[in-house]
Amino acid sequence: MRYSHQFRGDAPPTTRQADVLRAHQIQQAAAAAANQQQRGFAEATRRENTAAHGHILLNFIDNDRRTLAPEEVYTWLYAGSE
């Protein structure tokens, strides 16, 4: 005798289907975590590069003993991020 859910096509998943679904969900969660970690590394690298540009700018001003115009400061600080 066949049950009504078999005719509707919404039978509960088999153990194999449930295992595949669970593995897929775990894989998706791992990929999302790795993606977020990569974005964190990129943000940290960007901050380090910005800080490095700031140090270069300060050293340049100290070594050159002159004042930079505002557009020169902008160029030195943000050239790497555009």
PDB file of N, CA and C in Angstrom:
ATOM      1  N   MET A   1       0.837  -1.178   0.000  1.00  0.00           N
ATOM      2  CA  MET A   1       0.000   0.000   0.000  1.00  0.00           C
ATOM      3  C   MET A   1       0.888   1.250   0.000  1.00  0.00           C
ATOM      4  N   ARG A   2       0.591   2.216  -0.850  1.00  0.00           N
ATOM      5  CA  ARG A   2       1.359   3.456  -0.939  1.00  0.00           C
ATOM      6  C   ARG A   2       0.678   4.528  -0.105  1.00  0.00           C
ATOM      7  N   TYR A   3       1.479   5.359   0.523  1.00  0.00           N
ATOM      8  CA  TYR A   3       0.942   6.419   1.355  1.00  0.00           C
ATOM      9  C   TYR A   3       0.769   7.697   0.547  1.00  0.00           C
ATOM     10  N   SER A   4      -0.070   8.592   1.039  1.00  0.00           N
ATOM     11  CA  SER A   4      -0.414   9.800   0.287  1.00  0.00           C
ATOM     12  C   SER A   4       0.808  10.678   0.005  1.00  0.00           C
ATOM     13  N   HIS A   5       1.784  10.761   0.923  1.00  0.00           N
ATOM     14  CA  HIS A   5       2.953  11.618   0.678  1.00  0.00           C
ATOM     15  C   HIS A   5       3.771  11.110  -0.502  1.00  0.00           C
ATOM     16  N   GLN A   6       3.679   9.836  -0.815  1.00  0.00           N
ATOM     17  CA  GLN A   6       4.416   9.303  -1.955  1.00  0.00           C
ATOM     18  C   GLN A   6       3.817   9.797  -3.272  1.00  0.00           C
ATOM     19  N   PHE A   7       2.550  10.048  -3.288  1.00  0.00           N
ATOM     20  CA  PHE A   7       1.909  10.571  -4.494  1.00  0.00           C
ATOM     21  C   PHE A   7       2.177  12.067  -4.658  1.00  0.00           C
ATOM     22  N   ARG A   8       2.265  12.777  -3.557  1.00  0.00           N
ATOM     23  CA  ARG A   8       2.493  14.231  -3.613  1.00  0.00           C
ATOM     24  C   ARG A   8       3.952  14.556  -3.902  1.00  0.00           C
ATOM     25  N   GLY A   9       4.851  13.650  -3.676  1.00  0.00           N
ATOM     26  CA  GLY A   9       6.265  13.919  -3.929  1.00  0.00           C
ATOM     27  C   GLY A   9       6.970  14.590  -2.770  1.00  0.00           C
ATOM     28  N   ASP A  10       6.337  14.700  -1.619  1.00  0.00           N
ATOM     29  CA  ASP A  10       6.990  15.347  -0.476  1.00  0.00           C
ATOM     30  C   ASP A  10       7.333  14.335   0.613  1.00  0.00           C
ATOM     31  N   ALA A  11       7.802  13.203   0.177  1.00  0.00           N
ATOM     32  CA  ALA A  11       8.210  12.170   1.121  1.00  0.00           C
ATOM     33  C   ALA A  11       9.397  12.676   1.935  1.00  0.00           C
ATOM     34  N   PRO A  12       9.489  12.239   3.149  1.00  0.00           N
ATOM     35  CA  PRO A  12      10.644  12.668   3.948  1.00  0.00           C
ATOM     36  C   PRO A  12      11.945  12.207   3.290  1.00  0.00           C
ATOM     37  N   PRO A  13      13.000  12.975   3.438  1.00  0.00           N
ATOM     38  CA  PRO A  13      14.255  12.601   2.777  1.00  0.00           C
ATOM     39  C   PRO A  13      14.816  11.303   3.335  1.00  0.00           C
ATOM     40  N   THR A  14      15.476  10.574   2.469  1.00  0.00           N
ATOM     41  CA  THR A  14      16.141   9.354   2.900  1.00  0.00           C
ATOM     42  C   THR A  14      17.369   9.747   3.721  1.00  0.00           C
ATOM     43  N   THR A  15      17.976   8.790   4.373  1.00  0.00           N
ATOM     44  CA  THR A  15      19.183   9.048   5.152  1.00  0.00           C
ATOM     45  C   THR A  15      20.278   9.611   4.256  1.00  0.00           C
ATOM     46  N   ARG A  16      20.410   9.054   3.065  1.00  0.00           N
ATOM     47  CA  ARG A  16      21.435   9.517   2.114  1.00  0.00           C
ATOM     48  C   ARG A  16      21.172  10.968   1.705  1.00  0.00           C
ATOM     49  N   GLN A  17      19.917  11.296   1.384  1.00  0.00           N
ATOM     50  CA  GLN A  17      19.587  12.671   1.006  1.00  0.00           C
ATOM     51  C   GLN A  17      19.854  13.632   2.162  1.00  0.00           C
ATOM     52  N   ALA A  18      19.514  13.219   3.353  1.00  0.00           N
ATOM     53  CA  ALA A  18      19.744  14.062   4.526  1.00  0.00           C
ATOM     54  C   ALA A  18      21.241  14.280   4.749  1.00  0.00           C
ATOM     55  N   ASP A  19      22.036  13.238   4.550  1.00  0.00           N
ATOM     56  CA  ASP A  19      23.489  13.359   4.704  1.00  0.00           C
ATOM     57  C   ASP A  19      24.076  14.311   3.664  1.00  0.00           C
ATOM     58  N   VAL A  20      23.590  14.200   2.419  1.00  0.00           N
ATOM     59  CA  VAL A  20      24.083  15.078   1.349  1.00  0.00           C
ATOM     60  C   VAL A  20      23.703  16.521   1.657  1.00  0.00           C
ATOM     61  N   LEU A  21      22.470  16.739   2.096  1.00  0.00           N
ATOM     62  CA  LEU A  21      22.019  18.089   2.448  1.00  0.00           C
ATOM     63  C   LEU A  21      22.855  18.654   3.596  1.00  0.00           C
ATOM     64  N   ARG A  22      23.088  17.844   4.613  1.00  0.00           N
ATOM     65  CA  ARG A  22      23.893  18.285   5.756  1.00  0.00           C
ATOM     66  C   ARG A  22      25.315  18.629   5.313  1.00  0.00           C
ATOM     67  N   ALA A  23      25.906  17.799   4.460  1.00  0.00           N
ATOM     68  CA  ALA A  23      27.261  18.068   3.970  1.00  0.00           C
ATOM     69  C   ALA A  23      27.293  19.362   3.160  1.00  0.00           C
ATOM     70  N   HIS A  24      26.255  19.591   2.362  1.00  0.00           N
ATOM     71  CA  HIS A  24      26.178  20.814   1.572  1.00  0.00           C
ATOM     72  C   HIS A  24      26.072  22.036   2.486  1.00  0.00           C
ATOM     73  N   GLN A  25      25.259  21.953   3.527  1.00  0.00           N
ATOM     74  CA  GLN A  25      25.117  23.064   4.466  1.00  0.00           C
ATOM     75  C   GLN A  25      26.432  23.345   5.194  1.00  0.00           C
ATOM     76  N   ILE A  26      27.137  22.303   5.565  1.00  0.00           N
ATOM     77  CA  ILE A  26      28.435  22.466   6.237  1.00  0.00           C
ATOM     78  C   ILE A  26      29.432  23.122   5.282  1.00  0.00           C
ATOM     79  N   GLN A  27      29.432  22.684   4.023  1.00  0.00           N
ATOM     80  CA  GLN A  27      30.335  23.263   3.023  1.00  0.00           C
ATOM     81  C   GLN A  27      30.020  24.738   2.804  1.00  0.00           C
ATOM     82  N   GLN A  28      28.738  25.087   2.730  1.00  0.00           N
ATOM     83  CA  GLN A  28      28.346  26.479   2.538  1.00  0.00           C
ATOM     84  C   GLN A  28      28.768  27.332   3.732  1.00  0.00           C
ATOM     85  N   ALA A  29      28.605  26.820   4.942  1.00  0.00           N
ATOM     86  CA  ALA A  29      28.999  27.551   6.142  1.00  0.00           C
ATOM     87  C   ALA A  29      30.513  27.758   6.175  1.00  0.00           C
ATOM     88  N   ALA A  30      31.272  26.741   5.787  1.00  0.00           N
ATOM     89  CA  ALA A  30      32.730  26.852   5.759  1.00  0.00           C
ATOM     90  C   ALA A  30      33.175  27.879   4.716  1.00  0.00           C
ATOM     91  N   ALA A  31      32.516  27.880   3.558  1.00  0.00           N
ATOM     92  CA  ALA A  31      32.863  28.847   2.507  1.00  0.00           C
ATOM     93  C   ALA A  31      32.548  30.265   2.963  1.00  0.00           C
ATOM     94  N   ALA A  32      31.435  30.443   3.633  1.00  0.00           N
ATOM     95  CA  ALA A  32      31.072  31.777   4.134  1.00  0.00           C
ATOM     96  C   ALA A  32      32.073  32.247   5.182  1.00  0.00           C
ATOM     97  N   ALA A  33      32.499  31.355   6.061  1.00  0.00           N
ATOM     98  CA  ALA A  33      33.487  31.721   7.086  1.00  0.00           C
ATOM     99  C   ALA A  33      34.824  32.078   6.454  1.00  0.00           C
ATOM    100  N   ALA A  34      35.238  31.320   5.448  1.00  0.00           N
ATOM    101  CA  ALA A  34      36.501  31.611   4.769  1.00  0.00           C
ATOM    102  C   ALA A  34      36.423  32.945   4.033  1.00  0.00           C
ATOM    103  N   ASN A  35      35.277  33.227   3.433  1.00  0.00           N
ATOM    104  CA  ASN A  35      35.090  34.492   2.725  1.00  0.00           C
ATOM    105  C   ASN A  35      35.168  35.667   3.701  1.00  0.00           C
ATOM    106  N   GLN A  36      34.521  35.529   4.852  1.00  0.00           N
ATOM    107  CA  GLN A  36      34.567  36.598   5.849  1.00  0.00           C
ATOM    108  C   GLN A  36      35.989  36.782   6.378  1.00  0.00           C
ATOM    109  N   GLN A  37      36.707  35.687   6.588  1.00  0.00           N
ATOM    110  CA  GLN A  37      38.088  35.771   7.051  1.00  0.00           C
ATOM    111  C   GLN A  37      38.952  36.472   6.007  1.00  0.00           C
ATOM    112  N   GLN A  38      38.743  36.172   4.740  1.00  0.00           N
ATOM    113  CA  GLN A  38      39.503  36.812   3.662  1.00  0.00           C
ATOM    114  C   GLN A  38      39.231  38.312   3.631  1.00  0.00           C
ATOM    115  N   ARG A  39      37.952  38.693   3.825  1.00  0.00           N
ATOM    116  CA  ARG A  39      37.623  40.125   3.873  1.00  0.00           C
ATOM    117  C   ARG A  39      38.312  40.789   5.056  1.00  0.00           C
ATOM    118  N   GLY A  40      38.418  40.081   6.177  1.00  0.00           N
ATOM    119  CA  GLY A  40      39.113  40.622   7.345  1.00  0.00           C
ATOM    120  C   GLY A  40      40.592  40.841   7.054  1.00  0.00           C
ATOM    121  N   PHE A  41      41.220  39.883   6.364  1.00  0.00           N
ATOM    122  CA  PHE A  41      42.630  40.036   5.992  1.00  0.00           C
ATOM    123  C   PHE A  41      42.815  41.217   5.047  1.00  0.00           C
ATOM    124  N   ALA A  42      41.896  41.363   4.094  1.00  0.00           N
ATOM    125  CA  ALA A  42      41.990  42.470   3.139  1.00  0.00           C
ATOM    126  C   ALA A  42      41.861  43.807   3.853  1.00  0.00           C
ATOM    127  N   GLU A  43      40.954  43.897   4.811  1.00  0.00           N
ATOM    128  CA  GLU A  43      40.771  45.144   5.563  1.00  0.00           C
ATOM    129  C   GLU A  43      42.008  45.449   6.408  1.00  0.00           C
ATOM    130  N   ALA A  44      42.569  44.435   7.039  1.00  0.00           N
ATOM    131  CA  ALA A  44      43.779  44.645   7.845  1.00  0.00           C
ATOM    132  C   ALA A  44      44.937  45.097   6.959  1.00  0.00           C
ATOM    133  N   THR A  45      45.056  44.497   5.785  1.00  0.00           N
ATOM    134  CA  THR A  45      46.123  44.882   4.851  1.00  0.00           C
ATOM    135  C   THR A  45      45.934  46.319   4.399  1.00  0.00           C
ATOM    136  N   ARG A  46      44.682  46.696   4.112  1.00  0.00           N
ATOM    137  CA  ARG A  46      44.406  48.069   3.696  1.00  0.00           C
ATOM    138  C   ARG A  46      44.794  49.059   4.800  1.00  0.00           C
ATOM    139  N   ARG A  47      44.469  48.717   6.041  1.00  0.00           N
ATOM    140  CA  ARG A  47      44.827  49.600   7.165  1.00  0.00           C
ATOM    141  C   ARG A  47      46.346  49.709   7.309  1.00  0.00           C
ATOM    142  N   GLU A  48      47.039  48.589   7.169  1.00  0.00           N
ATOM    143  CA  GLU A  48      48.501  48.618   7.272  1.00  0.00           C
ATOM    144  C   GLU A  48      49.106  49.466   6.159  1.00  0.00           C
ATOM    145  N   ASN A  49      48.574  49.326   4.944  1.00  0.00           N
ATOM    146  CA  ASN A  49      49.081  50.114   3.822  1.00  0.00           C
ATOM    147  C   ASN A  49      48.816  51.598   4.029  1.00  0.00           C
ATOM    148  N   THR A  50      47.640  51.944   4.548  1.00  0.00           N
ATOM    149  CA  THR A  50      47.323  53.340   4.824  1.00  0.00           C
ATOM    150  C   THR A  50      48.271  53.892   5.882  1.00  0.00           C
ATOM    151  N   ALA A  51      48.526  53.106   6.912  1.00  0.00           N
ATOM    152  CA  ALA A  51      49.462  53.541   7.955  1.00  0.00           C
ATOM    153  C   ALA A  51      50.863  53.716   7.374  1.00  0.00           C
ATOM    154  N   ALA A  52      51.267  52.803   6.486  1.00  0.00           N
ATOM    155  CA  ALA A  52      52.587  52.905   5.861  1.00  0.00           C
ATOM    156  C   ALA A  52      52.681  54.179   5.026  1.00  0.00           C
ATOM    157  N   HIS A  53      51.607  54.519   4.287  1.00  0.00           N
ATOM    158  CA  HIS A  53      51.620  55.757   3.509  1.00  0.00           C
ATOM    159  C   HIS A  53      51.768  56.960   4.435  1.00  0.00           C
ATOM    160  N   GLY A  54      51.104  56.912   5.579  1.00  0.00           N
ATOM    161  CA  GLY A  54      51.220  58.013   6.541  1.00  0.00           C
ATOM    162  C   GLY A  54      52.643  58.164   7.040  1.00  0.00           C
ATOM    163  N   HIS A  55      53.326  57.053   7.336  1.00  0.00           N
ATOM    164  CA  HIS A  55      54.717  57.118   7.799  1.00  0.00           C
ATOM    165  C   HIS A  55      55.639  57.649   6.704  1.00  0.00           C
ATOM    166  N   ILE A  56      55.391  57.212   5.472  1.00  0.00           N
ATOM    167  CA  ILE A  56      56.194  57.711   4.354  1.00  0.00           C
ATOM    168  C   ILE A  56      56.008  59.216   4.227  1.00  0.00           C
ATOM    169  N   LEU A  57      54.760  59.670   4.355  1.00  0.00           N
ATOM    170  CA  LEU A  57      54.473  61.098   4.253  1.00  0.00           C
ATOM    171  C   LEU A  57      55.192  61.876   5.344  1.00  0.00           C
ATOM    172  N   LEU A  58      55.129  61.384   6.569  1.00  0.00           N
ATOM    173  CA  LEU A  58      55.795  62.097   7.674  1.00  0.00           C
ATOM    174  C   LEU A  58      57.298  62.124   7.470  1.00  0.00           C
ATOM    175  N   ASN A  59      57.879  61.016   7.035  1.00  0.00           N
ATOM    176  CA  ASN A  59      59.314  60.983   6.767  1.00  0.00           C
ATOM    177  C   ASN A  59      59.681  61.927   5.634  1.00  0.00           C
ATOM    178  N   PHE A  60      58.843  61.989   4.631  1.00  0.00           N
ATOM    179  CA  PHE A  60      59.095  62.884   3.508  1.00  0.00           C
ATOM    180  C   PHE A  60      59.104  64.343   3.975  1.00  0.00           C
ATOM    181  N   ILE A  61      58.130  64.691   4.809  1.00  0.00           N
ATOM    182  CA  ILE A  61      58.065  66.071   5.304  1.00  0.00           C
ATOM    183  C   ILE A  61      59.291  66.360   6.165  1.00  0.00           C
ATOM    184  N   ASP A  62      59.666  65.439   7.053  1.00  0.00           N
ATOM    185  CA  ASP A  62      60.833  65.649   7.914  1.00  0.00           C
ATOM    186  C   ASP A  62      62.111  65.769   7.096  1.00  0.00           C
ATOM    187  N   ASN A  63      62.263  64.911   6.097  1.00  0.00           N
ATOM    188  CA  ASN A  63      63.483  64.913   5.295  1.00  0.00           C
ATOM    189  C   ASN A  63      63.568  66.118   4.376  1.00  0.00           C
ATOM    190  N   ASP A  64      62.446  66.553   3.861  1.00  0.00           N
ATOM    191  CA  ASP A  64      62.442  67.631   2.881  1.00  0.00           C
ATOM    192  C   ASP A  64      62.384  69.004   3.549  1.00  0.00           C
ATOM    193  N   ARG A  65      61.923  69.070   4.784  1.00  0.00           N
ATOM    194  CA  ARG A  65      61.818  70.330   5.537  1.00  0.00           C
ATOM    195  C   ARG A  65      60.975  71.369   4.800  1.00  0.00           C
ATOM    196  N   ARG A  66      59.897  70.930   4.208  1.00  0.00           N
ATOM    197  CA  ARG A  66      58.982  71.873   3.583  1.00  0.00           C
ATOM    198  C   ARG A  66      57.562  71.405   3.854  1.00  0.00           C
ATOM    199  N   THR A  67      56.616  72.262   3.602  1.00  0.00           N
ATOM    200  CA  THR A  67      55.214  71.937   3.824  1.00  0.00           C
ATOM    201  C   THR A  67      54.589  71.524   2.505  1.00  0.00           C
ATOM    202  N   LEU A  68      53.790  70.487   2.562  1.00  0.00           N
ATOM    203  CA  LEU A  68      53.101  70.030   1.359  1.00  0.00           C
ATOM    204  C   LEU A  68      51.775  70.767   1.205  1.00  0.00           C
ATOM    205  N   ALA A  69      51.402  71.012  -0.016  1.00  0.00           N
ATOM    206  CA  ALA A  69      50.083  71.579  -0.296  1.00  0.00           C
ATOM    207  C   ALA A  69      49.028  70.505  -0.021  1.00  0.00           C
ATOM    208  N   PRO A  70      47.779  70.909   0.279  1.00  0.00           N
ATOM    209  CA  PRO A  70      46.732  69.906   0.589  1.00  0.00           C
ATOM    210  C   PRO A  70      46.559  68.842  -0.488  1.00  0.00           C
ATOM    211  N   GLU A  71      46.652  69.232  -1.765  1.00  0.00           N
ATOM    212  CA  GLU A  71      46.488  68.218  -2.816  1.00  0.00           C
ATOM    213  C   GLU A  71      47.657  67.239  -2.827  1.00  0.00           C
ATOM    214  N   GLU A  72      48.828  67.660  -2.420  1.00  0.00           N
ATOM    215  CA  GLU A  72      49.962  66.739  -2.327  1.00  0.00           C
ATOM    216  C   GLU A  72      49.758  65.749  -1.182  1.00  0.00           C
ATOM    217  N   VAL A  73      49.229  66.226  -0.076  1.00  0.00           N
ATOM    218  CA  VAL A  73      48.941  65.344   1.068  1.00  0.00           C
ATOM    219  C   VAL A  73      47.924  64.289   0.636  1.00  0.00           C
ATOM    220  N   TYR A  74      46.871  64.727  -0.041  1.00  0.00           N
ATOM    221  CA  TYR A  74      45.856  63.780  -0.520  1.00  0.00           C
ATOM    222  C   TYR A  74      46.494  62.727  -1.432  1.00  0.00           C
ATOM    223  N   THR A  75      47.328  63.179  -2.346  1.00  0.00           N
ATOM    224  CA  THR A  75      47.982  62.253  -3.278  1.00  0.00           C
ATOM    225  C   THR A  75      48.825  61.235  -2.526  1.00  0.00           C
ATOM    226  N   TRP A  76      49.599  61.677  -1.561  1.00  0.00           N
ATOM    227  CA  TRP A  76      50.466  60.771  -0.805  1.00  0.00           C
ATOM    228  C   TRP A  76      49.650  59.782   0.022  1.00  0.00           C
ATOM    229  N   LEU A  77      48.579  60.250   0.651  1.00  0.00           N
ATOM    230  CA  LEU A  77      47.821  59.372   1.552  1.00  0.00           C
ATOM    231  C   LEU A  77      46.931  58.385   0.819  1.00  0.00           C
ATOM    232  N   TYR A  78      46.337  58.817  -0.283  1.00  0.00           N
ATOM    233  CA  TYR A  78      45.291  57.999  -0.894  1.00  0.00           C
ATOM    234  C   TYR A  78      45.652  57.421  -2.253  1.00  0.00           C
ATOM    235  N   ALA A  79      46.858  57.597  -2.687  1.00  0.00           N
ATOM    236  CA  ALA A  79      47.235  57.111  -4.020  1.00  0.00           C
ATOM    237  C   ALA A  79      47.075  55.592  -4.123  1.00  0.00           C
ATOM    238  N   GLY A  80      47.377  54.879  -3.063  1.00  0.00           N
ATOM    239  CA  GLY A  80      47.313  53.416  -3.114  1.00  0.00           C
ATOM    240  C   GLY A  80      45.918  52.857  -3.013  1.00  0.00           C
ATOM    241  N   SER A  81      44.952  53.645  -2.546  1.00  0.00           N
ATOM    242  CA  SER A  81      43.614  53.097  -2.321  1.00  0.00           C
ATOM    243  C   SER A  81      42.653  53.375  -3.462  1.00  0.00           C
ATOM    244  N   GLU A  82      43.069  54.096  -4.465  1.00  0.00           N
ATOM    245  CA  GLU A  82      42.149  54.411  -5.568  1.00  0.00           C
ATOM    246  C   GLU A  82      42.396  53.519  -6.760  1.00  0.00           C
TER     247      GLU A  82
END
